[in-house]
Amino acid sequence: MVSKQERRNKIKARIRGKVSGTAERPRMSVFRSNKQIYVQLVNDAEGKTLVCASSKGIDEGTKIEIAAKVGKAIAEKALAAGVTEVVFDRNGYLFHGRVKSLADAAREGGLKF
């Protein structure tokens, strides 16, 4: 039987074969742990992180509400850095719950993907 981590790594490898970020359209990569959620905009051509945001320091609300706040934060930081379009990389996680909440909030904040 395949573990959750092995399944996620397999999905992640398949996605990363198709998705890559550039300076004009960076990759928006999501990482979700049991307690926190992190997101960063990555320029894969140079191997640099342009902007990042996380749920550290945000205590009020459910995990889904906190993920939405992180989505709004990354959108604000990206627009301030001059980034309007991104490629969304869900990093092997299902597009549901916290990941979906973060993506929807980033779209509402002005990012296009």
PDB file of N, CA and C in Angstrom:
ATOM      1  N   MET A   1       0.839  -1.178   0.000  1.00  0.00           N
ATOM      2  CA  MET A   1       0.000   0.000   0.000  1.00  0.00           C
ATOM      3  C   MET A   1       0.889   1.248   0.000  1.00  0.00           C
ATOM      4  N   VAL A   2       0.498   2.231  -0.791  1.00  0.00           N
ATOM      5  CA  VAL A   2       1.262   3.459  -0.932  1.00  0.00           C
ATOM      6  C   VAL A   2       0.864   4.437   0.173  1.00  0.00           C
ATOM      7  N   SER A   3       1.862   5.032   0.830  1.00  0.00           N
ATOM      8  CA  SER A   3       1.570   5.982   1.901  1.00  0.00           C
ATOM      9  C   SER A   3       1.113   7.314   1.307  1.00  0.00           C
ATOM     10  N   LYS A   4       0.543   8.165   2.162  1.00  0.00           N
ATOM     11  CA  LYS A   4       0.089   9.484   1.721  1.00  0.00           C
ATOM     12  C   LYS A   4       1.245  10.295   1.146  1.00  0.00           C
ATOM     13  N   GLN A   5       2.393  10.227   1.815  1.00  0.00           N
ATOM     14  CA  GLN A   5       3.558  10.998   1.374  1.00  0.00           C
ATOM     15  C   GLN A   5       4.058  10.511   0.014  1.00  0.00           C
ATOM     16  N   GLU A   6       4.095   9.195  -0.192  1.00  0.00           N
ATOM     17  CA  GLU A   6       4.524   8.658  -1.484  1.00  0.00           C
ATOM     18  C   GLU A   6       3.551   9.068  -2.587  1.00  0.00           C
ATOM     19  N   ARG A   7       2.260   9.022  -2.299  1.00  0.00           N
ATOM     20  CA  ARG A   7       1.235   9.423  -3.255  1.00  0.00           C
ATOM     21  C   ARG A   7       1.415  10.890  -3.631  1.00  0.00           C
ATOM     22  N   ARG A   8       1.639  11.741  -2.598  1.00  0.00           N
ATOM     23  CA  ARG A   8       1.804  13.167  -2.834  1.00  0.00           C
ATOM     24  C   ARG A   8       3.063  13.449  -3.644  1.00  0.00           C
ATOM     25  N   ASN A   9       4.151  12.740  -3.348  1.00  0.00           N
ATOM     26  CA  ASN A   9       5.392  12.932  -4.095  1.00  0.00           C
ATOM     27  C   ASN A   9       5.230  12.549  -5.560  1.00  0.00           C
ATOM     28  N   LYS A  10       4.459  11.509  -5.823  1.00  0.00           N
ATOM     29  CA  LYS A  10       4.206  11.065  -7.194  1.00  0.00           C
ATOM     30  C   LYS A  10       3.408  12.123  -7.962  1.00  0.00           C
ATOM     31  N   ILE A  11       2.364  12.659  -7.320  1.00  0.00           N
ATOM     32  CA  ILE A  11       1.540  13.703  -7.927  1.00  0.00           C
ATOM     33  C   ILE A  11       2.385  14.960  -8.138  1.00  0.00           C
ATOM     34  N   LYS A  12       3.188  15.290  -7.133  1.00  0.00           N
ATOM     35  CA  LYS A  12       4.029  16.484  -7.176  1.00  0.00           C
ATOM     36  C   LYS A  12       5.000  16.419  -8.356  1.00  0.00           C
ATOM     37  N   ALA A  13       5.629  15.263  -8.557  1.00  0.00           N
ATOM     38  CA  ALA A  13       6.575  15.096  -9.660  1.00  0.00           C
ATOM     39  C   ALA A  13       5.874  15.244 -11.005  1.00  0.00           C
ATOM     40  N   ARG A  14       4.679  14.707 -11.115  1.00  0.00           N
ATOM     41  CA  ARG A  14       3.916  14.797 -12.356  1.00  0.00           C
ATOM     42  C   ARG A  14       3.549  16.255 -12.651  1.00  0.00           C
ATOM     43  N   ILE A  15       3.122  16.979 -11.624  1.00  0.00           N
ATOM     44  CA  ILE A  15       2.741  18.388 -11.795  1.00  0.00           C
ATOM     45  C   ILE A  15       3.970  19.229 -12.161  1.00  0.00           C
ATOM     46  N   ARG A  16       5.097  19.006 -11.466  1.00  0.00           N
ATOM     47  CA  ARG A  16       6.285  19.819 -11.702  1.00  0.00           C
ATOM     48  C   ARG A  16       6.871  19.575 -13.090  1.00  0.00           C
ATOM     49  N   GLY A  17       6.539  18.446 -13.717  1.00  0.00           N
ATOM     50  CA  GLY A  17       6.976  18.204 -15.082  1.00  0.00           C
ATOM     51  C   GLY A  17       6.261  19.108 -16.066  1.00  0.00           C
ATOM     52  N   LYS A  18       5.083  19.573 -15.683  1.00  0.00           N
ATOM     53  CA  LYS A  18       4.261  20.406 -16.569  1.00  0.00           C
ATOM     54  C   LYS A  18       4.288  21.879 -16.193  1.00  0.00           C
ATOM     55  N   VAL A  19       4.541  22.183 -14.917  1.00  0.00           N
ATOM     56  CA  VAL A  19       4.414  23.550 -14.415  1.00  0.00           C
ATOM     57  C   VAL A  19       5.783  24.093 -14.041  1.00  0.00           C
ATOM     58  N   SER A  20       6.108  25.270 -14.570  1.00  0.00           N
ATOM     59  CA  SER A  20       7.323  25.957 -14.135  1.00  0.00           C
ATOM     60  C   SER A  20       7.070  27.455 -14.176  1.00  0.00           C
ATOM     61  N   GLY A  21       7.758  28.179 -13.325  1.00  0.00           N
ATOM     62  CA  GLY A  21       7.555  29.612 -13.225  1.00  0.00           C
ATOM     63  C   GLY A  21       8.664  30.386 -13.907  1.00  0.00           C
ATOM     64  N   THR A  22       8.319  31.566 -14.428  1.00  0.00           N
ATOM     65  CA  THR A  22       9.288  32.459 -15.050  1.00  0.00           C
ATOM     66  C   THR A  22       9.243  33.787 -14.317  1.00  0.00           C
ATOM     67  N   ALA A  23      10.051  34.737 -14.761  1.00  0.00           N
ATOM     68  CA  ALA A  23      10.067  36.052 -14.124  1.00  0.00           C
ATOM     69  C   ALA A  23       8.736  36.769 -14.352  1.00  0.00           C
ATOM     70  N   GLU A  24       8.147  36.604 -15.540  1.00  0.00           N
ATOM     71  CA  GLU A  24       6.878  37.261 -15.851  1.00  0.00           C
ATOM     72  C   GLU A  24       5.699  36.561 -15.176  1.00  0.00           C
ATOM     73  N   ARG A  25       5.785  35.232 -15.090  1.00  0.00           N
ATOM     74  CA  ARG A  25       4.687  34.445 -14.540  1.00  0.00           C
ATOM     75  C   ARG A  25       5.255  33.404 -13.581  1.00  0.00           C
ATOM     76  N   PRO A  26       5.537  33.804 -12.324  1.00  0.00           N
ATOM     77  CA  PRO A  26       6.148  32.863 -11.377  1.00  0.00           C
ATOM     78  C   PRO A  26       5.190  31.773 -10.919  1.00  0.00           C
ATOM     79  N   ARG A  27       5.768  30.731 -10.366  1.00  0.00           N
ATOM     80  CA  ARG A  27       4.987  29.612  -9.838  1.00  0.00           C
ATOM     81  C   ARG A  27       4.587  29.925  -8.397  1.00  0.00           C
ATOM     82  N   MET A  28       3.295  29.785  -8.104  1.00  0.00           N
ATOM     83  CA  MET A  28       2.801  30.006  -6.749  1.00  0.00           C
ATOM     84  C   MET A  28       2.682  28.645  -6.073  1.00  0.00           C
ATOM     85  N   SER A  29       3.663  28.336  -5.229  1.00  0.00           N
ATOM     86  CA  SER A  29       3.754  27.028  -4.599  1.00  0.00           C
ATOM     87  C   SER A  29       3.174  27.064  -3.190  1.00  0.00           C
ATOM     88  N   VAL A  30       2.318  26.085  -2.882  1.00  0.00           N
ATOM     89  CA  VAL A  30       1.654  26.004  -1.585  1.00  0.00           C
ATOM     90  C   VAL A  30       2.225  24.831  -0.800  1.00  0.00           C
ATOM     91  N   PHE A  31       2.522  25.050   0.480  1.00  0.00           N
ATOM     92  CA  PHE A  31       2.879  23.965   1.386  1.00  0.00           C
ATOM     93  C   PHE A  31       1.969  24.036   2.594  1.00  0.00           C
ATOM     94  N   ARG A  32       1.430  22.894   2.958  1.00  0.00           N
ATOM     95  CA  ARG A  32       0.462  22.845   4.047  1.00  0.00           C
ATOM     96  C   ARG A  32       0.948  21.817   5.057  1.00  0.00           C
ATOM     97  N   SER A  33       1.082  22.267   6.310  1.00  0.00           N
ATOM     98  CA  SER A  33       1.392  21.338   7.388  1.00  0.00           C
ATOM     99  C   SER A  33       0.140  21.198   8.245  1.00  0.00           C
ATOM    100  N   ASN A  34       0.230  20.444   9.317  1.00  0.00           N
ATOM    101  CA  ASN A  34      -0.950  20.277  10.163  1.00  0.00           C
ATOM    102  C   ASN A  34      -1.370  21.581  10.831  1.00  0.00           C
ATOM    103  N   LYS A  35      -0.397  22.434  11.158  1.00  0.00           N
ATOM    104  CA  LYS A  35      -0.710  23.662  11.885  1.00  0.00           C
ATOM    105  C   LYS A  35      -0.636  24.919  11.035  1.00  0.00           C
ATOM    106  N   GLN A  36       0.222  24.960  10.037  1.00  0.00           N
ATOM    107  CA  GLN A  36       0.462  26.181   9.265  1.00  0.00           C
ATOM    108  C   GLN A  36       0.218  25.943   7.783  1.00  0.00           C
ATOM    109  N   ILE A  37       0.156  27.054   7.042  1.00  0.00           N
ATOM    110  CA  ILE A  37       0.125  26.993   5.582  1.00  0.00           C
ATOM    111  C   ILE A  37       1.075  28.064   5.059  1.00  0.00           C
ATOM    112  N   TYR A  38       1.856  27.703   4.055  1.00  0.00           N
ATOM    113  CA  TYR A  38       2.874  28.588   3.505  1.00  0.00           C
ATOM    114  C   TYR A  38       2.664  28.699   2.001  1.00  0.00           C
ATOM    115  N   VAL A  39       2.977  29.844   1.450  1.00  0.00           N
ATOM    116  CA  VAL A  39       2.893  30.027   0.003  1.00  0.00           C
ATOM    117  C   VAL A  39       4.046  30.927  -0.432  1.00  0.00           C
ATOM    118  N   GLN A  40       4.610  30.611  -1.606  1.00  0.00           N
ATOM    119  CA  GLN A  40       5.694  31.442  -2.123  1.00  0.00           C
ATOM    120  C   GLN A  40       5.612  31.524  -3.642  1.00  0.00           C
ATOM    121  N   LEU A  41       6.068  32.633  -4.170  1.00  0.00           N
ATOM    122  CA  LEU A  41       6.155  32.814  -5.613  1.00  0.00           C
ATOM    123  C   LEU A  41       7.596  32.558  -6.016  1.00  0.00           C
ATOM    124  N   VAL A  42       7.787  31.601  -6.931  1.00  0.00           N
ATOM    125  CA  VAL A  42       9.124  31.135  -7.283  1.00  0.00           C
ATOM    126  C   VAL A  42       9.392  31.362  -8.765  1.00  0.00           C
ATOM    127  N   ASN A  43      10.554  31.939  -9.069  1.00  0.00           N
ATOM    128  CA  ASN A  43      11.035  32.050 -10.429  1.00  0.00           C
ATOM    129  C   ASN A  43      11.949  30.841 -10.657  1.00  0.00           C
ATOM    130  N   ASP A  44      11.454  29.833 -11.349  1.00  0.00           N
ATOM    131  CA  ASP A  44      12.208  28.593 -11.537  1.00  0.00           C
ATOM    132  C   ASP A  44      13.395  28.767 -12.474  1.00  0.00           C
ATOM    133  N   ALA A  45      13.346  29.750 -13.366  1.00  0.00           N
ATOM    134  CA  ALA A  45      14.458  29.975 -14.287  1.00  0.00           C
ATOM    135  C   ALA A  45      15.719  30.364 -13.517  1.00  0.00           C
ATOM    136  N   GLU A  46      15.559  31.185 -12.486  1.00  0.00           N
ATOM    137  CA  GLU A  46      16.696  31.611 -11.680  1.00  0.00           C
ATOM    138  C   GLU A  46      16.808  30.852 -10.369  1.00  0.00           C
ATOM    139  N   GLY A  47      15.758  30.107 -10.000  1.00  0.00           N
ATOM    140  CA  GLY A  47      15.756  29.373  -8.749  1.00  0.00           C
ATOM    141  C   GLY A  47      15.638  30.285  -7.537  1.00  0.00           C
ATOM    142  N   LYS A  48      14.867  31.367  -7.678  1.00  0.00           N
ATOM    143  CA  LYS A  48      14.729  32.336  -6.596  1.00  0.00           C
ATOM    144  C   LYS A  48      13.282  32.487  -6.159  1.00  0.00           C
ATOM    145  N   THR A  49      13.104  32.688  -4.855  1.00  0.00           N
ATOM    146  CA  THR A  49      11.792  32.996  -4.311  1.00  0.00           C
ATOM    147  C   THR A  49      11.599  34.502  -4.362  1.00  0.00           C
ATOM    148  N   LEU A  50      10.524  34.940  -5.004  1.00  0.00           N
ATOM    149  CA  LEU A  50      10.272  36.367  -5.148  1.00  0.00           C
ATOM    150  C   LEU A  50       9.546  36.933  -3.937  1.00  0.00           C
ATOM    151  N   VAL A  51       8.475  36.261  -3.526  1.00  0.00           N
ATOM    152  CA  VAL A  51       7.625  36.727  -2.425  1.00  0.00           C
ATOM    153  C   VAL A  51       7.137  35.506  -1.660  1.00  0.00           C
ATOM    154  N   CYS A  52       6.975  35.646  -0.329  1.00  0.00           N
ATOM    155  CA  CYS A  52       6.440  34.538   0.446  1.00  0.00           C
ATOM    156  C   CYS A  52       5.504  35.059   1.529  1.00  0.00           C
ATOM    157  N   ALA A  53       4.615  34.186   1.986  1.00  0.00           N
ATOM    158  CA  ALA A  53       3.693  34.506   3.076  1.00  0.00           C
ATOM    159  C   ALA A  53       3.367  33.209   3.801  1.00  0.00           C
ATOM    160  N   SER A  54       3.045  33.333   5.088  1.00  0.00           N
ATOM    161  CA  SER A  54       2.684  32.147   5.863  1.00  0.00           C
ATOM    162  C   SER A  54       1.668  32.514   6.925  1.00  0.00           C
ATOM    163  N   SER A  55       1.139  31.489   7.571  1.00  0.00           N
ATOM    164  CA  SER A  55       0.122  31.686   8.599  1.00  0.00           C
ATOM    165  C   SER A  55       0.727  31.869   9.983  1.00  0.00           C
ATOM    166  N   LYS A  56       2.052  31.903  10.074  1.00  0.00           N
ATOM    167  CA  LYS A  56       2.681  32.113  11.383  1.00  0.00           C
ATOM    168  C   LYS A  56       2.310  33.493  11.898  1.00  0.00           C
ATOM    169  N   GLY A  57       1.851  33.536  13.118  1.00  0.00           N
ATOM    170  CA  GLY A  57       1.448  34.797  13.721  1.00  0.00           C
ATOM    171  C   GLY A  57      -0.026  35.115  13.565  1.00  0.00           C
ATOM    172  N   ILE A  58      -0.727  34.358  12.741  1.00  0.00           N
ATOM    173  CA  ILE A  58      -2.175  34.542  12.590  1.00  0.00           C
ATOM    174  C   ILE A  58      -2.848  33.482  13.461  1.00  0.00           C
ATOM    175  N   ASP A  59      -3.553  33.909  14.496  1.00  0.00           N
ATOM    176  CA  ASP A  59      -4.113  32.966  15.463  1.00  0.00           C
ATOM    177  C   ASP A  59      -5.633  32.866  15.416  1.00  0.00           C
ATOM    178  N   GLU A  60      -6.302  33.909  14.953  1.00  0.00           N
ATOM    179  CA  GLU A  60      -7.755  33.938  15.053  1.00  0.00           C
ATOM    180  C   GLU A  60      -8.415  33.333  13.822  1.00  0.00           C
ATOM    181  N   GLY A  61      -9.403  32.465  14.047  1.00  0.00           N
ATOM    182  CA  GLY A  61     -10.166  31.862  12.970  1.00  0.00           C
ATOM    183  C   GLY A  61      -9.856  30.393  12.790  1.00  0.00           C
ATOM    184  N   THR A  62     -10.638  29.777  11.919  1.00  0.00           N
ATOM    185  CA  THR A  62     -10.414  28.376  11.590  1.00  0.00           C
ATOM    186  C   THR A  62      -9.243  28.269  10.620  1.00  0.00           C
ATOM    187  N   LYS A  63      -8.808  27.055  10.340  1.00  0.00           N
ATOM    188  CA  LYS A  63      -7.692  26.863   9.417  1.00  0.00           C
ATOM    189  C   LYS A  63      -8.029  27.400   8.031  1.00  0.00           C
ATOM    190  N   ILE A  64      -9.274  27.237   7.612  1.00  0.00           N
ATOM    191  CA  ILE A  64      -9.688  27.712   6.290  1.00  0.00           C
ATOM    192  C   ILE A  64      -9.690  29.239   6.244  1.00  0.00           C
ATOM    193  N   GLU A  65     -10.152  29.887   7.318  1.00  0.00           N
ATOM    194  CA  GLU A  65     -10.145  31.355   7.374  1.00  0.00           C
ATOM    195  C   GLU A  65      -8.719  31.892   7.395  1.00  0.00           C
ATOM    196  N   ILE A  66      -7.845  31.207   8.121  1.00  0.00           N
ATOM    197  CA  ILE A  66      -6.435  31.614   8.177  1.00  0.00           C
ATOM    198  C   ILE A  66      -5.793  31.469   6.800  1.00  0.00           C
ATOM    199  N   ALA A  67      -6.113  30.392   6.081  1.00  0.00           N
ATOM    200  CA  ALA A  67      -5.577  30.191   4.732  1.00  0.00           C
ATOM    201  C   ALA A  67      -6.028  31.316   3.801  1.00  0.00           C
ATOM    202  N   ALA A  68      -7.269  31.782   3.969  1.00  0.00           N
ATOM    203  CA  ALA A  68      -7.772  32.887   3.156  1.00  0.00           C
ATOM    204  C   ALA A  68      -6.982  34.167   3.449  1.00  0.00           C
ATOM    205  N   LYS A  69      -6.646  34.393   4.711  1.00  0.00           N
ATOM    206  CA  LYS A  69      -5.846  35.572   5.072  1.00  0.00           C
ATOM    207  C   LYS A  69      -4.457  35.501   4.447  1.00  0.00           C
ATOM    208  N   VAL A  70      -3.884  34.308   4.397  1.00  0.00           N
ATOM    209  CA  VAL A  70      -2.565  34.123   3.771  1.00  0.00           C
ATOM    210  C   VAL A  70      -2.676  34.373   2.267  1.00  0.00           C
ATOM    211  N   GLY A  71      -3.773  33.940   1.661  1.00  0.00           N
ATOM    212  CA  GLY A  71      -3.998  34.187   0.232  1.00  0.00           C
ATOM    213  C   GLY A  71      -4.082  35.671  -0.079  1.00  0.00           C
ATOM    214  N   LYS A  72      -4.773  36.420   0.768  1.00  0.00           N
ATOM    215  CA  LYS A  72      -4.857  37.871   0.571  1.00  0.00           C
ATOM    216  C   LYS A  72      -3.487  38.518   0.757  1.00  0.00           C
ATOM    217  N   ALA A  73      -2.729  38.034   1.751  1.00  0.00           N
ATOM    218  CA  ALA A  73      -1.398  38.588   2.019  1.00  0.00           C
ATOM    219  C   ALA A  73      -0.451  38.362   0.842  1.00  0.00           C
ATOM    220  N   ILE A  74      -0.476  37.158   0.250  1.00  0.00           N
ATOM    221  CA  ILE A  74       0.422  36.883  -0.874  1.00  0.00           C
ATOM    222  C   ILE A  74       0.023  37.716  -2.087  1.00  0.00           C
ATOM    223  N   ALA A  75      -1.280  37.943  -2.273  1.00  0.00           N
ATOM    224  CA  ALA A  75      -1.733  38.769  -3.392  1.00  0.00           C
ATOM    225  C   ALA A  75      -1.254  40.204  -3.232  1.00  0.00           C
ATOM    226  N   GLU A  76      -1.343  40.743  -2.026  1.00  0.00           N
ATOM    227  CA  GLU A  76      -0.881  42.112  -1.779  1.00  0.00           C
ATOM    228  C   GLU A  76       0.614  42.236  -2.018  1.00  0.00           C
ATOM    229  N   LYS A  77       1.386  41.276  -1.502  1.00  0.00           N
ATOM    230  CA  LYS A  77       2.838  41.319  -1.662  1.00  0.00           C
ATOM    231  C   LYS A  77       3.231  41.157  -3.132  1.00  0.00           C
ATOM    232  N   ALA A  78       2.520  40.291  -3.858  1.00  0.00           N
ATOM    233  CA  ALA A  78       2.828  40.057  -5.270  1.00  0.00           C
ATOM    234  C   ALA A  78       2.540  41.306  -6.100  1.00  0.00           C
ATOM    235  N   LEU A  79       1.412  41.934  -5.848  1.00  0.00           N
ATOM    236  CA  LEU A  79       1.076  43.145  -6.593  1.00  0.00           C
ATOM    237  C   LEU A  79       2.066  44.265  -6.287  1.00  0.00           C
ATOM    238  N   ALA A  80       2.517  44.339  -5.040  1.00  0.00           N
ATOM    239  CA  ALA A  80       3.525  45.337  -4.677  1.00  0.00           C
ATOM    240  C   ALA A  80       4.853  45.064  -5.388  1.00  0.00           C
ATOM    241  N   ALA A  81       5.148  43.791  -5.653  1.00  0.00           N
ATOM    242  CA  ALA A  81       6.377  43.412  -6.355  1.00  0.00           C
ATOM    243  C   ALA A  81       6.214  43.478  -7.870  1.00  0.00           C
ATOM    244  N   GLY A  82       5.009  43.815  -8.347  1.00  0.00           N
ATOM    245  CA  GLY A  82       4.775  43.942  -9.785  1.00  0.00           C
ATOM    246  C   GLY A  82       4.368  42.657 -10.472  1.00  0.00           C
ATOM    247  N   VAL A  83       3.909  41.665  -9.720  1.00  0.00           N
ATOM    248  CA  VAL A  83       3.479  40.391 -10.296  1.00  0.00           C
ATOM    249  C   VAL A  83       1.950  40.351 -10.316  1.00  0.00           C
ATOM    250  N   THR A  84       1.363  40.119 -11.493  1.00  0.00           N
ATOM    251  CA  THR A  84      -0.100  40.030 -11.589  1.00  0.00           C
ATOM    252  C   THR A  84      -0.567  38.647 -12.000  1.00  0.00           C
ATOM    253  N   GLU A  85       0.264  37.914 -12.754  1.00  0.00           N
ATOM    254  CA  GLU A  85      -0.107  36.568 -13.207  1.00  0.00           C
ATOM    255  C   GLU A  85       0.844  35.542 -12.619  1.00  0.00           C
ATOM    256  N   VAL A  86       0.280  34.405 -12.185  1.00  0.00           N
ATOM    257  CA  VAL A  86       1.085  33.320 -11.625  1.00  0.00           C
ATOM    258  C   VAL A  86       0.604  31.987 -12.186  1.00  0.00           C
ATOM    259  N   VAL A  87       1.415  30.963 -11.992  1.00  0.00           N
ATOM    260  CA  VAL A  87       1.038  29.581 -12.299  1.00  0.00           C
ATOM    261  C   VAL A  87       0.823  28.910 -10.947  1.00  0.00           C
ATOM    262  N   PHE A  88      -0.355  28.356 -10.714  1.00  0.00           N
ATOM    263  CA  PHE A  88      -0.670  27.783  -9.408  1.00  0.00           C
ATOM    264  C   PHE A  88      -0.139  26.365  -9.309  1.00  0.00           C
ATOM    265  N   ASP A  89       0.626  26.101  -8.250  1.00  0.00           N
ATOM    266  CA  ASP A  89       1.182  24.775  -7.981  1.00  0.00           C
ATOM    267  C   ASP A  89       0.637  24.316  -6.633  1.00  0.00           C
ATOM    268  N   ARG A  90      -0.307  23.394  -6.666  1.00  0.00           N
ATOM    269  CA  ARG A  90      -0.932  22.932  -5.417  1.00  0.00           C
ATOM    270  C   ARG A  90      -0.053  21.931  -4.682  1.00  0.00           C
ATOM    271  N   ASN A  91       1.069  21.578  -5.287  1.00  0.00           N
ATOM    272  CA  ASN A  91       2.110  20.793  -4.627  1.00  0.00           C
ATOM    273  C   ASN A  91       1.653  19.395  -4.219  1.00  0.00           C
ATOM    274  N   GLY A  92       0.780  18.787  -4.987  1.00  0.00           N
ATOM    275  CA  GLY A  92       0.335  17.426  -4.698  1.00  0.00           C
ATOM    276  C   GLY A  92      -0.860  17.346  -3.778  1.00  0.00           C
ATOM    277  N   TYR A  93      -1.299  18.474  -3.231  1.00  0.00           N
ATOM    278  CA  TYR A  93      -2.472  18.467  -2.360  1.00  0.00           C
ATOM    279  C   TYR A  93      -3.724  18.567  -3.209  1.00  0.00           C
ATOM    280  N   LEU A  94      -4.829  18.038  -2.704  1.00  0.00           N
ATOM    281  CA  LEU A  94      -6.098  18.160  -3.399  1.00  0.00           C
ATOM    282  C   LEU A  94      -6.554  19.614  -3.366  1.00  0.00           C
ATOM    283  N   PHE A  95      -7.188  20.068  -4.432  1.00  0.00           N
ATOM    284  CA  PHE A  95      -7.693  21.441  -4.495  1.00  0.00           C
ATOM    285  C   PHE A  95      -9.015  21.482  -3.734  1.00  0.00           C
ATOM    286  N   HIS A  96      -8.887  21.536  -2.421  1.00  0.00           N
ATOM    287  CA  HIS A  96     -10.048  21.436  -1.540  1.00  0.00           C
ATOM    288  C   HIS A  96      -9.656  22.016  -0.191  1.00  0.00           C
ATOM    289  N   GLY A  97     -10.587  22.568   0.538  1.00  0.00           N
ATOM    290  CA  GLY A  97     -10.319  23.033   1.890  1.00  0.00           C
ATOM    291  C   GLY A  97      -9.382  24.218   1.937  1.00  0.00           C
ATOM    292  N   ARG A  98      -8.281  24.065   2.672  1.00  0.00           N
ATOM    293  CA  ARG A  98      -7.346  25.174   2.880  1.00  0.00           C
ATOM    294  C   ARG A  98      -6.672  25.632   1.592  1.00  0.00           C
ATOM    295  N   VAL A  99      -6.321  24.697   0.718  1.00  0.00           N
ATOM    296  CA  VAL A  99      -5.657  25.051  -0.536  1.00  0.00           C
ATOM    297  C   VAL A  99      -6.612  25.850  -1.421  1.00  0.00           C
ATOM    298  N   LYS A 100      -7.847  25.430  -1.502  1.00  0.00           N
ATOM    299  CA  LYS A 100      -8.855  26.140  -2.295  1.00  0.00           C
ATOM    300  C   LYS A 100      -9.141  27.517  -1.709  1.00  0.00           C
ATOM    301  N   SER A 101      -9.231  27.604  -0.395  1.00  0.00           N
ATOM    302  CA  SER A 101      -9.478  28.870   0.281  1.00  0.00           C
ATOM    303  C   SER A 101      -8.354  29.864  -0.005  1.00  0.00           C
ATOM    304  N   LEU A 102      -7.113  29.409   0.052  1.00  0.00           N
ATOM    305  CA  LEU A 102      -5.966  30.262  -0.230  1.00  0.00           C
ATOM    306  C   LEU A 102      -6.007  30.739  -1.683  1.00  0.00           C
ATOM    307  N   ALA A 103      -6.292  29.837  -2.613  1.00  0.00           N
ATOM    308  CA  ALA A 103      -6.324  30.195  -4.032  1.00  0.00           C
ATOM    309  C   ALA A 103      -7.436  31.198  -4.325  1.00  0.00           C
ATOM    310  N   ASP A 104      -8.618  30.973  -3.766  1.00  0.00           N
ATOM    311  CA  ASP A 104      -9.738  31.889  -3.995  1.00  0.00           C
ATOM    312  C   ASP A 104      -9.434  33.281  -3.454  1.00  0.00           C
ATOM    313  N   ALA A 105      -8.835  33.355  -2.279  1.00  0.00           N
ATOM    314  CA  ALA A 105      -8.490  34.653  -1.687  1.00  0.00           C
ATOM    315  C   ALA A 105      -7.417  35.360  -2.507  1.00  0.00           C
ATOM    316  N   ALA A 106      -6.463  34.611  -3.051  1.00  0.00           N
ATOM    317  CA  ALA A 106      -5.425  35.214  -3.899  1.00  0.00           C
ATOM    318  C   ALA A 106      -6.040  35.766  -5.173  1.00  0.00           C
ATOM    319  N   ARG A 107      -7.008  35.057  -5.736  1.00  0.00           N
ATOM    320  CA  ARG A 107      -7.706  35.556  -6.928  1.00  0.00           C
ATOM    321  C   ARG A 107      -8.481  36.830  -6.608  1.00  0.00           C
ATOM    322  N   GLU A 108      -9.158  36.839  -5.465  1.00  0.00           N
ATOM    323  CA  GLU A 108      -9.899  38.032  -5.055  1.00  0.00           C
ATOM    324  C   GLU A 108      -8.958  39.207  -4.807  1.00  0.00           C
ATOM    325  N   GLY A 109      -7.738  38.904  -4.353  1.00  0.00           N
ATOM    326  CA  GLY A 109      -6.746  39.935  -4.096  1.00  0.00           C
ATOM    327  C   GLY A 109      -6.131  40.536  -5.349  1.00  0.00           C
ATOM    328  N   GLY A 110      -6.387  39.927  -6.515  1.00  0.00           N
ATOM    329  CA  GLY A 110      -5.906  40.503  -7.767  1.00  0.00           C
ATOM    330  C   GLY A 110      -4.969  39.640  -8.585  1.00  0.00           C
ATOM    331  N   LEU A 111      -4.598  38.457  -8.104  1.00  0.00           N
ATOM    332  CA  LEU A 111      -3.733  37.580  -8.891  1.00  0.00           C
ATOM    333  C   LEU A 111      -4.554  36.820  -9.927  1.00  0.00           C
ATOM    334  N   LYS A 112      -3.963  36.603 -11.101  1.00  0.00           N
ATOM    335  CA  LYS A 112      -4.650  35.867 -12.163  1.00  0.00           C
ATOM    336  C   LYS A 112      -3.973  34.525 -12.369  1.00  0.00           C
ATOM    337  N   PHE A 113      -4.769  33.457 -12.292  1.00  0.00           N
ATOM    338  CA  PHE A 113      -4.309  32.099 -12.603  1.00  0.00           C
ATOM    339  C   PHE A 113      -5.488  31.206 -12.831  1.00  0.00           C
TER     340      PHE A 113
END
